[in-house]
Amino acid sequence: MSIRSIRIPDDIDRSIDYVARSEKLEKAQSLRKLMRLGFEYYIAKSYERGRITLREAAGLLNMTLSETLDLLLEMGVKGNIRAKDVMDAMKYSIRY
């Protein structure tokens, strides 16, 4: 894990404190949690807009494809996989 020194605006600092108190975490853990949630949201929106593929999203999140799909569904992001894509993948897997 790398160490970064950043300036945090007061409103964000209050948010970090709130999460730390609510979840009984240290401030650093609270900040890491909020950063992860923000990154997951950013990736979900990028996927939803078609900027990245499911595989790219999974790689960036360091998750499996099924874990990523579960996360996206939990966030209300519908997959952009068409039925034709699924059928083509099934045909390909049957051949090999």
PDB file of N, CA and C in Angstrom:
ATOM      1  N   MET A   1       0.856  -1.167   0.000  1.00  0.00           N
ATOM      2  CA  MET A   1       0.000   0.000   0.000  1.00  0.00           C
ATOM      3  C   MET A   1       0.900   1.227   0.000  1.00  0.00           C
ATOM      4  N   SER A   2       0.589   2.179  -0.864  1.00  0.00           N
ATOM      5  CA  SER A   2       1.403   3.389  -0.925  1.00  0.00           C
ATOM      6  C   SER A   2       0.839   4.463   0.003  1.00  0.00           C
ATOM      7  N   ILE A   3       1.669   5.428   0.307  1.00  0.00           N
ATOM      8  CA  ILE A   3       1.280   6.537   1.181  1.00  0.00           C
ATOM      9  C   ILE A   3       1.183   7.792   0.333  1.00  0.00           C
ATOM     10  N   ARG A   4       0.092   8.530   0.492  1.00  0.00           N
ATOM     11  CA  ARG A   4      -0.125   9.782  -0.235  1.00  0.00           C
ATOM     12  C   ARG A   4      -0.437  10.878   0.769  1.00  0.00           C
ATOM     13  N   SER A   5       0.007  12.058   0.474  1.00  0.00           N
ATOM     14  CA  SER A   5      -0.313  13.216   1.306  1.00  0.00           C
ATOM     15  C   SER A   5      -1.219  14.125   0.486  1.00  0.00           C
ATOM     16  N   ILE A   6      -2.443  14.350   0.975  1.00  0.00           N
ATOM     17  CA  ILE A   6      -3.394  15.180   0.231  1.00  0.00           C
ATOM     18  C   ILE A   6      -4.066  16.181   1.162  1.00  0.00           C
ATOM     19  N   ARG A   7      -4.565  17.248   0.581  1.00  0.00           N
ATOM     20  CA  ARG A   7      -5.370  18.208   1.338  1.00  0.00           C
ATOM     21  C   ARG A   7      -6.829  17.812   1.176  1.00  0.00           C
ATOM     22  N   ILE A   8      -7.529  17.721   2.291  1.00  0.00           N
ATOM     23  CA  ILE A   8      -8.925  17.306   2.269  1.00  0.00           C
ATOM     24  C   ILE A   8      -9.803  18.485   2.667  1.00  0.00           C
ATOM     25  N   PRO A   9     -10.748  18.870   1.805  1.00  0.00           N
ATOM     26  CA  PRO A   9     -11.662  19.969   2.154  1.00  0.00           C
ATOM     27  C   PRO A   9     -12.454  19.636   3.424  1.00  0.00           C
ATOM     28  N   ASP A  10     -12.862  20.678   4.135  1.00  0.00           N
ATOM     29  CA  ASP A  10     -13.560  20.493   5.410  1.00  0.00           C
ATOM     30  C   ASP A  10     -14.818  19.640   5.284  1.00  0.00           C
ATOM     31  N   ASP A  11     -15.600  19.844   4.231  1.00  0.00           N
ATOM     32  CA  ASP A  11     -16.838  19.067   4.097  1.00  0.00           C
ATOM     33  C   ASP A  11     -16.562  17.578   3.901  1.00  0.00           C
ATOM     34  N   ILE A  12     -15.518  17.259   3.161  1.00  0.00           N
ATOM     35  CA  ILE A  12     -15.136  15.859   2.968  1.00  0.00           C
ATOM     36  C   ILE A  12     -14.597  15.292   4.278  1.00  0.00           C
ATOM     37  N   ASP A  13     -13.837  16.080   5.006  1.00  0.00           N
ATOM     38  CA  ASP A  13     -13.301  15.638   6.298  1.00  0.00           C
ATOM     39  C   ASP A  13     -14.438  15.313   7.270  1.00  0.00           C
ATOM     40  N   ARG A  14     -15.473  16.137   7.262  1.00  0.00           N
ATOM     41  CA  ARG A  14     -16.638  15.858   8.115  1.00  0.00           C
ATOM     42  C   ARG A  14     -17.320  14.557   7.683  1.00  0.00           C
ATOM     43  N   SER A  15     -17.362  14.306   6.393  1.00  0.00           N
ATOM     44  CA  SER A  15     -17.946  13.057   5.884  1.00  0.00           C
ATOM     45  C   SER A  15     -17.146  11.848   6.354  1.00  0.00           C
ATOM     46  N   ILE A  16     -15.834  11.980   6.317  1.00  0.00           N
ATOM     47  CA  ILE A  16     -14.955  10.902   6.779  1.00  0.00           C
ATOM     48  C   ILE A  16     -15.196  10.644   8.262  1.00  0.00           C
ATOM     49  N   ASP A  17     -15.288  11.719   9.046  1.00  0.00           N
ATOM     50  CA  ASP A  17     -15.571  11.588  10.482  1.00  0.00           C
ATOM     51  C   ASP A  17     -16.913  10.910  10.722  1.00  0.00           C
ATOM     52  N   TYR A  18     -17.911  11.303   9.951  1.00  0.00           N
ATOM     53  CA  TYR A  18     -19.252  10.730  10.112  1.00  0.00           C
ATOM     54  C   TYR A  18     -19.230   9.216   9.891  1.00  0.00           C
ATOM     55  N   VAL A  19     -18.602   8.788   8.806  1.00  0.00           N
ATOM     56  CA  VAL A  19     -18.530   7.354   8.502  1.00  0.00           C
ATOM     57  C   VAL A  19     -17.721   6.632   9.577  1.00  0.00           C
ATOM     58  N   ALA A  20     -16.640   7.242  10.026  1.00  0.00           N
ATOM     59  CA  ALA A  20     -15.816   6.628  11.071  1.00  0.00           C
ATOM     60  C   ALA A  20     -16.639   6.407  12.342  1.00  0.00           C
ATOM     61  N   ARG A  21     -17.388   7.413  12.748  1.00  0.00           N
ATOM     62  CA  ARG A  21     -18.229   7.287  13.949  1.00  0.00           C
ATOM     63  C   ARG A  21     -19.347   6.272  13.736  1.00  0.00           C
ATOM     64  N   SER A  22     -20.017   6.355  12.599  1.00  0.00           N
ATOM     65  CA  SER A  22     -21.164   5.486  12.318  1.00  0.00           C
ATOM     66  C   SER A  22     -20.786   4.013  12.264  1.00  0.00           C
ATOM     67  N   GLU A  23     -19.624   3.732  11.711  1.00  0.00           N
ATOM     68  CA  GLU A  23     -19.214   2.341  11.521  1.00  0.00           C
ATOM     69  C   GLU A  23     -18.112   1.910  12.480  1.00  0.00           C
ATOM     70  N   LYS A  24     -17.817   2.788  13.437  1.00  0.00           N
ATOM     71  CA  LYS A  24     -16.788   2.502  14.449  1.00  0.00           C
ATOM     72  C   LYS A  24     -15.461   2.089  13.802  1.00  0.00           C
ATOM     73  N   LEU A  25     -15.007   2.950  12.913  1.00  0.00           N
ATOM     74  CA  LEU A  25     -13.749   2.750  12.198  1.00  0.00           C
ATOM     75  C   LEU A  25     -12.786   3.862  12.561  1.00  0.00           C
ATOM     76  N   GLU A  26     -11.505   3.602  12.308  1.00  0.00           N
ATOM     77  CA  GLU A  26     -10.532   4.683  12.400  1.00  0.00           C
ATOM     78  C   GLU A  26     -10.735   5.585  11.187  1.00  0.00           C
ATOM     79  N   LYS A  27     -10.293   6.815  11.318  1.00  0.00           N
ATOM     80  CA  LYS A  27     -10.477   7.790  10.241  1.00  0.00           C
ATOM     81  C   LYS A  27      -9.830   7.319   8.929  1.00  0.00           C
ATOM     82  N   ALA A  28      -8.656   6.709   9.013  1.00  0.00           N
ATOM     83  CA  ALA A  28      -7.971   6.231   7.807  1.00  0.00           C
ATOM     84  C   ALA A  28      -8.776   5.123   7.129  1.00  0.00           C
ATOM     85  N   GLN A  29      -9.351   4.223   7.919  1.00  0.00           N
ATOM     86  CA  GLN A  29     -10.177   3.151   7.355  1.00  0.00           C
ATOM     87  C   GLN A  29     -11.423   3.733   6.688  1.00  0.00           C
ATOM     88  N   SER A  30     -12.003   4.727   7.331  1.00  0.00           N
ATOM     89  CA  SER A  30     -13.183   5.392   6.787  1.00  0.00           C
ATOM     90  C   SER A  30     -12.857   6.038   5.441  1.00  0.00           C
ATOM     91  N   LEU A  31     -11.730   6.710   5.364  1.00  0.00           N
ATOM     92  CA  LEU A  31     -11.309   7.349   4.117  1.00  0.00           C
ATOM     93  C   LEU A  31     -11.100   6.308   3.017  1.00  0.00           C
ATOM     94  N   ARG A  32     -10.424   5.202   3.341  1.00  0.00           N
ATOM     95  CA  ARG A  32     -10.203   4.147   2.345  1.00  0.00           C
ATOM     96  C   ARG A  32     -11.529   3.566   1.856  1.00  0.00           C
ATOM     97  N   LYS A  33     -12.469   3.376   2.780  1.00  0.00           N
ATOM     98  CA  LYS A  33     -13.777   2.838   2.407  1.00  0.00           C
ATOM     99  C   LYS A  33     -14.504   3.791   1.454  1.00  0.00           C
ATOM    100  N   LEU A  34     -14.515   5.069   1.785  1.00  0.00           N
ATOM    101  CA  LEU A  34     -15.185   6.052   0.932  1.00  0.00           C
ATOM    102  C   LEU A  34     -14.510   6.167  -0.433  1.00  0.00           C
ATOM    103  N   MET A  35     -13.194   6.076  -0.452  1.00  0.00           N
ATOM    104  CA  MET A  35     -12.472   6.128  -1.728  1.00  0.00           C
ATOM    105  C   MET A  35     -12.834   4.923  -2.593  1.00  0.00           C
ATOM    106  N   ARG A  36     -12.919   3.746  -1.976  1.00  0.00           N
ATOM    107  CA  ARG A  36     -13.278   2.532  -2.717  1.00  0.00           C
ATOM    108  C   ARG A  36     -14.690   2.651  -3.289  1.00  0.00           C
ATOM    109  N   LEU A  37     -15.619   3.125  -2.455  1.00  0.00           N
ATOM    110  CA  LEU A  37     -17.002   3.291  -2.918  1.00  0.00           C
ATOM    111  C   LEU A  37     -17.079   4.283  -4.078  1.00  0.00           C
ATOM    112  N   GLY A  38     -16.317   5.353  -3.983  1.00  0.00           N
ATOM    113  CA  GLY A  38     -16.277   6.336  -5.065  1.00  0.00           C
ATOM    114  C   GLY A  38     -15.700   5.755  -6.341  1.00  0.00           C
ATOM    115  N   PHE A  39     -14.662   4.945  -6.202  1.00  0.00           N
ATOM    116  CA  PHE A  39     -14.049   4.314  -7.368  1.00  0.00           C
ATOM    117  C   PHE A  39     -15.015   3.315  -8.002  1.00  0.00           C
ATOM    118  N   GLU A  40     -15.705   2.538  -7.165  1.00  0.00           N
ATOM    119  CA  GLU A  40     -16.685   1.589  -7.688  1.00  0.00           C
ATOM    120  C   GLU A  40     -17.778   2.325  -8.464  1.00  0.00           C
ATOM    121  N   TYR A  41     -18.227   3.450  -7.934  1.00  0.00           N
ATOM    122  CA  TYR A  41     -19.247   4.252  -8.611  1.00  0.00           C
ATOM    123  C   TYR A  41     -18.716   4.763  -9.955  1.00  0.00           C
ATOM    124  N   TYR A  42     -17.484   5.252  -9.960  1.00  0.00           N
ATOM    125  CA  TYR A  42     -16.865   5.775 -11.179  1.00  0.00           C
ATOM    126  C   TYR A  42     -16.783   4.677 -12.247  1.00  0.00           C
ATOM    127  N   ILE A  43     -16.349   3.494 -11.843  1.00  0.00           N
ATOM    128  CA  ILE A  43     -16.241   2.368 -12.775  1.00  0.00           C
ATOM    129  C   ILE A  43     -17.625   1.961 -13.274  1.00  0.00           C
ATOM    130  N   ALA A  44     -18.600   1.920 -12.373  1.00  0.00           N
ATOM    131  CA  ALA A  44     -19.970   1.553 -12.762  1.00  0.00           C
ATOM    132  C   ALA A  44     -20.514   2.524 -13.805  1.00  0.00           C
ATOM    133  N   LYS A  45     -20.302   3.805 -13.598  1.00  0.00           N
ATOM    134  CA  LYS A  45     -20.775   4.808 -14.561  1.00  0.00           C
ATOM    135  C   LYS A  45     -20.025   4.688 -15.889  1.00  0.00           C
ATOM    136  N   SER A  46     -18.735   4.409 -15.830  1.00  0.00           N
ATOM    137  CA  SER A  46     -17.951   4.235 -17.058  1.00  0.00           C
ATOM    138  C   SER A  46     -18.466   3.038 -17.853  1.00  0.00           C
ATOM    139  N   TYR A  47     -18.783   1.963 -17.150  1.00  0.00           N
ATOM    140  CA  TYR A  47     -19.325   0.770 -17.808  1.00  0.00           C
ATOM    141  C   TYR A  47     -20.705   1.063 -18.389  1.00  0.00           C
ATOM    142  N   GLU A  48     -21.540   1.727 -17.607  1.00  0.00           N
ATOM    143  CA  GLU A  48     -22.897   2.044 -18.045  1.00  0.00           C
ATOM    144  C   GLU A  48     -22.891   2.899 -19.313  1.00  0.00           C
ATOM    145  N   ARG A  49     -21.932   3.790 -19.418  1.00  0.00           N
ATOM    146  CA  ARG A  49     -21.829   4.683 -20.586  1.00  0.00           C
ATOM    147  C   ARG A  49     -21.118   4.026 -21.769  1.00  0.00           C
ATOM    148  N   GLY A  50     -20.653   2.785 -21.565  1.00  0.00           N
ATOM    149  CA  GLY A  50     -19.990   2.064 -22.641  1.00  0.00           C
ATOM    150  C   GLY A  50     -18.536   2.443 -22.843  1.00  0.00           C
ATOM    151  N   ARG A  51     -17.946   3.128 -21.883  1.00  0.00           N
ATOM    152  CA  ARG A  51     -16.544   3.553 -22.014  1.00  0.00           C
ATOM    153  C   ARG A  51     -15.572   2.417 -21.731  1.00  0.00           C
ATOM    154  N   ILE A  52     -16.015   1.448 -20.913  1.00  0.00           N
ATOM    155  CA  ILE A  52     -15.174   0.292 -20.615  1.00  0.00           C
ATOM    156  C   ILE A  52     -16.022  -0.973 -20.710  1.00  0.00           C
ATOM    157  N   THR A  53     -15.350  -2.091 -20.931  1.00  0.00           N
ATOM    158  CA  THR A  53     -16.043  -3.377 -21.001  1.00  0.00           C
ATOM    159  C   THR A  53     -16.187  -3.955 -19.595  1.00  0.00           C
ATOM    160  N   LEU A  54     -16.990  -4.998 -19.504  1.00  0.00           N
ATOM    161  CA  LEU A  54     -17.153  -5.691 -18.227  1.00  0.00           C
ATOM    162  C   LEU A  54     -15.813  -6.253 -17.758  1.00  0.00           C
ATOM    163  N   ARG A  55     -15.064  -6.812 -18.681  1.00  0.00           N
ATOM    164  CA  ARG A  55     -13.750  -7.379 -18.331  1.00  0.00           C
ATOM    165  C   ARG A  55     -12.810  -6.289 -17.811  1.00  0.00           C
ATOM    166  N   GLU A  56     -12.823  -5.125 -18.457  1.00  0.00           N
ATOM    167  CA  GLU A  56     -11.988  -4.013 -17.985  1.00  0.00           C
ATOM    168  C   GLU A  56     -12.431  -3.554 -16.597  1.00  0.00           C
ATOM    169  N   ALA A  57     -13.744  -3.467 -16.398  1.00  0.00           N
ATOM    170  CA  ALA A  57     -14.270  -3.065 -15.089  1.00  0.00           C
ATOM    171  C   ALA A  57     -13.824  -4.051 -14.016  1.00  0.00           C
ATOM    172  N   ALA A  58     -13.940  -5.334 -14.308  1.00  0.00           N
ATOM    173  CA  ALA A  58     -13.533  -6.363 -13.347  1.00  0.00           C
ATOM    174  C   ALA A  58     -12.043  -6.253 -13.035  1.00  0.00           C
ATOM    175  N   GLY A  59     -11.244  -6.026 -14.053  1.00  0.00           N
ATOM    176  CA  GLY A  59      -9.803  -5.880 -13.842  1.00  0.00           C
ATOM    177  C   GLY A  59      -9.465  -4.674 -12.984  1.00  0.00           C
ATOM    178  N   LEU A  60     -10.105  -3.553 -13.264  1.00  0.00           N
ATOM    179  CA  LEU A  60      -9.849  -2.334 -12.491  1.00  0.00           C
ATOM    180  C   LEU A  60     -10.290  -2.484 -11.040  1.00  0.00           C
ATOM    181  N   LEU A  61     -11.378  -3.213 -10.832  1.00  0.00           N
ATOM    182  CA  LEU A  61     -11.894  -3.408  -9.474  1.00  0.00           C
ATOM    183  C   LEU A  61     -11.231  -4.581  -8.755  1.00  0.00           C
ATOM    184  N   ASN A  62     -10.402  -5.327  -9.492  1.00  0.00           N
ATOM    185  CA  ASN A  62      -9.748  -6.518  -8.942  1.00  0.00           C
ATOM    186  C   ASN A  62     -10.799  -7.517  -8.439  1.00  0.00           C
ATOM    187  N   MET A  63     -11.804  -7.749  -9.288  1.00  0.00           N
ATOM    188  CA  MET A  63     -12.892  -8.673  -8.979  1.00  0.00           C
ATOM    189  C   MET A  63     -13.070  -9.641 -10.142  1.00  0.00           C
ATOM    190  N   THR A  64     -13.769 -10.745  -9.872  1.00  0.00           N
ATOM    191  CA  THR A  64     -14.128 -11.656 -10.956  1.00  0.00           C
ATOM    192  C   THR A  64     -15.250 -11.021 -11.772  1.00  0.00           C
ATOM    193  N   LEU A  65     -15.509 -11.596 -12.941  1.00  0.00           N
ATOM    194  CA  LEU A  65     -16.591 -11.078 -13.778  1.00  0.00           C
ATOM    195  C   LEU A  65     -17.934 -11.187 -13.060  1.00  0.00           C
ATOM    196  N   SER A  66     -18.180 -12.321 -12.400  1.00  0.00           N
ATOM    197  CA  SER A  66     -19.475 -12.484 -11.726  1.00  0.00           C
ATOM    198  C   SER A  66     -19.600 -11.550 -10.526  1.00  0.00           C
ATOM    199  N   GLU A  67     -18.508 -11.322  -9.791  1.00  0.00           N
ATOM    200  CA  GLU A  67     -18.545 -10.365  -8.679  1.00  0.00           C
ATOM    201  C   GLU A  67     -18.834  -8.953  -9.193  1.00  0.00           C
ATOM    202  N   THR A  68     -18.233  -8.628 -10.321  1.00  0.00           N
ATOM    203  CA  THR A  68     -18.439  -7.305 -10.912  1.00  0.00           C
ATOM    204  C   THR A  68     -19.881  -7.141 -11.377  1.00  0.00           C
ATOM    205  N   LEU A  69     -20.415  -8.171 -12.017  1.00  0.00           N
ATOM    206  CA  LEU A  69     -21.819  -8.120 -12.438  1.00  0.00           C
ATOM    207  C   LEU A  69     -22.741  -7.938 -11.237  1.00  0.00           C
ATOM    208  N   ASP A  70     -22.473  -8.673 -10.153  1.00  0.00           N
ATOM    209  CA  ASP A  70     -23.278  -8.541  -8.931  1.00  0.00           C
ATOM    210  C   ASP A  70     -23.216  -7.119  -8.391  1.00  0.00           C
ATOM    211  N   LEU A  71     -22.014  -6.547  -8.354  1.00  0.00           N
ATOM    212  CA  LEU A  71     -21.847  -5.179  -7.862  1.00  0.00           C
ATOM    213  C   LEU A  71     -22.614  -4.189  -8.738  1.00  0.00           C
ATOM    214  N   LEU A  72     -22.488  -4.345 -10.045  1.00  0.00           N
ATOM    215  CA  LEU A  72     -23.173  -3.444 -10.972  1.00  0.00           C
ATOM    216  C   LEU A  72     -24.690  -3.541 -10.813  1.00  0.00           C
ATOM    217  N   LEU A  73     -25.192  -4.753 -10.675  1.00  0.00           N
ATOM    218  CA  LEU A  73     -26.634  -4.924 -10.479  1.00  0.00           C
ATOM    219  C   LEU A  73     -27.080  -4.304  -9.165  1.00  0.00           C
ATOM    220  N   GLU A  74     -26.267  -4.476  -8.126  1.00  0.00           N
ATOM    221  CA  GLU A  74     -26.562  -3.883  -6.818  1.00  0.00           C
ATOM    222  C   GLU A  74     -26.629  -2.358  -6.914  1.00  0.00           C
ATOM    223  N   MET A  75     -25.816  -1.795  -7.812  1.00  0.00           N
ATOM    224  CA  MET A  75     -25.783  -0.344  -8.000  1.00  0.00           C
ATOM    225  C   MET A  75     -26.837   0.131  -9.004  1.00  0.00           C
ATOM    226  N   GLY A  76     -27.608  -0.806  -9.538  1.00  0.00           N
ATOM    227  CA  GLY A  76     -28.661  -0.439 -10.478  1.00  0.00           C
ATOM    228  C   GLY A  76     -28.196  -0.258 -11.908  1.00  0.00           C
ATOM    229  N   VAL A  77     -27.000  -0.740 -12.213  1.00  0.00           N
ATOM    230  CA  VAL A  77     -26.458  -0.621 -13.571  1.00  0.00           C
ATOM    231  C   VAL A  77     -26.797  -1.895 -14.326  1.00  0.00           C
ATOM    232  N   LYS A  78     -27.559  -1.744 -15.381  1.00  0.00           N
ATOM    233  CA  LYS A  78     -27.918  -2.897 -16.196  1.00  0.00           C
ATOM    234  C   LYS A  78     -26.751  -3.230 -17.115  1.00  0.00           C
ATOM    235  N   GLY A  79     -26.590  -4.506 -17.385  1.00  0.00           N
ATOM    236  CA  GLY A  79     -25.523  -4.938 -18.273  1.00  0.00           C
ATOM    237  C   GLY A  79     -25.766  -4.458 -19.694  1.00  0.00           C
ATOM    238  N   ASN A  80     -24.698  -4.291 -20.421  1.00  0.00           N
ATOM    239  CA  ASN A  80     -24.849  -3.892 -21.820  1.00  0.00           C
ATOM    240  C   ASN A  80     -24.492  -5.053 -22.743  1.00  0.00           C
ATOM    241  N   ILE A  81     -24.719  -6.271 -22.233  1.00  0.00           N
ATOM    242  CA  ILE A  81     -24.482  -7.469 -23.032  1.00  0.00           C
ATOM    243  C   ILE A  81     -25.793  -7.826 -23.726  1.00  0.00           C
ATOM    244  N   ARG A  82     -25.745  -7.962 -25.031  1.00  0.00           N
ATOM    245  CA  ARG A  82     -26.946  -8.306 -25.790  1.00  0.00           C
ATOM    246  C   ARG A  82     -27.105  -9.823 -25.853  1.00  0.00           C
ATOM    247  N   ALA A  83     -28.316 -10.271 -26.091  1.00  0.00           N
ATOM    248  CA  ALA A  83     -28.601 -11.705 -26.186  1.00  0.00           C
ATOM    249  C   ALA A  83     -27.752 -12.344 -27.283  1.00  0.00           C
ATOM    250  N   LYS A  84     -27.555 -11.635 -28.389  1.00  0.00           N
ATOM    251  CA  LYS A  84     -26.738 -12.162 -29.487  1.00  0.00           C
ATOM    252  C   LYS A  84     -25.312 -12.424 -29.010  1.00  0.00           C
ATOM    253  N   ASP A  85     -24.766 -11.542 -28.184  1.00  0.00           N
ATOM    254  CA  ASP A  85     -23.412 -11.732 -27.658  1.00  0.00           C
ATOM    255  C   ASP A  85     -23.333 -13.001 -26.815  1.00  0.00           C
ATOM    256  N   VAL A  86     -24.352 -13.226 -25.993  1.00  0.00           N
ATOM    257  CA  VAL A  86     -24.384 -14.421 -25.146  1.00  0.00           C
ATOM    258  C   VAL A  86     -24.462 -15.672 -26.011  1.00  0.00           C
ATOM    259  N   MET A  87     -25.330 -15.653 -27.016  1.00  0.00           N
ATOM    260  CA  MET A  87     -25.473 -16.809 -27.907  1.00  0.00           C
ATOM    261  C   MET A  87     -24.178 -17.081 -28.664  1.00  0.00           C
ATOM    262  N   ASP A  88     -23.533 -16.044 -29.155  1.00  0.00           N
ATOM    263  CA  ASP A  88     -22.255 -16.216 -29.853  1.00  0.00           C
ATOM    264  C   ASP A  88     -21.210 -16.820 -28.929  1.00  0.00           C
ATOM    265  N   ALA A  89     -21.160 -16.364 -27.688  1.00  0.00           N
ATOM    266  CA  ALA A  89     -20.197 -16.897 -26.721  1.00  0.00           C
ATOM    267  C   ALA A  89     -20.482 -18.362 -26.429  1.00  0.00           C
ATOM    268  N   MET A  90     -21.759 -18.713 -26.336  1.00  0.00           N
ATOM    269  CA  MET A  90     -22.120 -20.112 -26.082  1.00  0.00           C
ATOM    270  C   MET A  90     -21.725 -20.991 -27.259  1.00  0.00           C
ATOM    271  N   LYS A  91     -21.976 -20.526 -28.475  1.00  0.00           N
ATOM    272  CA  LYS A  91     -21.596 -21.288 -29.667  1.00  0.00           C
ATOM    273  C   LYS A  91     -20.083 -21.486 -29.705  1.00  0.00           C
ATOM    274  N   TYR A  92     -19.358 -20.441 -29.378  1.00  0.00           N
ATOM    275  CA  TYR A  92     -17.897 -20.510 -29.375  1.00  0.00           C
ATOM    276  C   TYR A  92     -17.413 -21.521 -28.340  1.00  0.00           C
ATOM    277  N   SER A  93     -17.999 -21.493 -27.137  1.00  0.00           N
ATOM    278  CA  SER A  93     -17.545 -22.389 -26.069  1.00  0.00           C
ATOM    279  C   SER A  93     -17.874 -23.844 -26.383  1.00  0.00           C
ATOM    280  N   ILE A  94     -18.962 -24.089 -27.109  1.00  0.00           N
ATOM    281  CA  ILE A  94     -19.324 -25.458 -27.481  1.00  0.00           C
ATOM    282  C   ILE A  94     -18.325 -26.011 -28.490  1.00  0.00           C
ATOM    283  N   ARG A  95     -17.861 -25.160 -29.407  1.00  0.00           N
ATOM    284  CA  ARG A  95     -16.894 -25.591 -30.414  1.00  0.00           C
ATOM    285  C   ARG A  95     -15.541 -25.920 -29.804  1.00  0.00           C
ATOM    286  N   TYR A  96     -15.174 -25.223 -28.733  1.00  0.00           N
ATOM    287  CA  TYR A  96     -13.843 -25.403 -28.149  1.00  0.00           C
ATOM    288  C   TYR A  96     -14.011 -25.938 -26.790  1.00  0.00           C
TER     289      TYR A  96
END
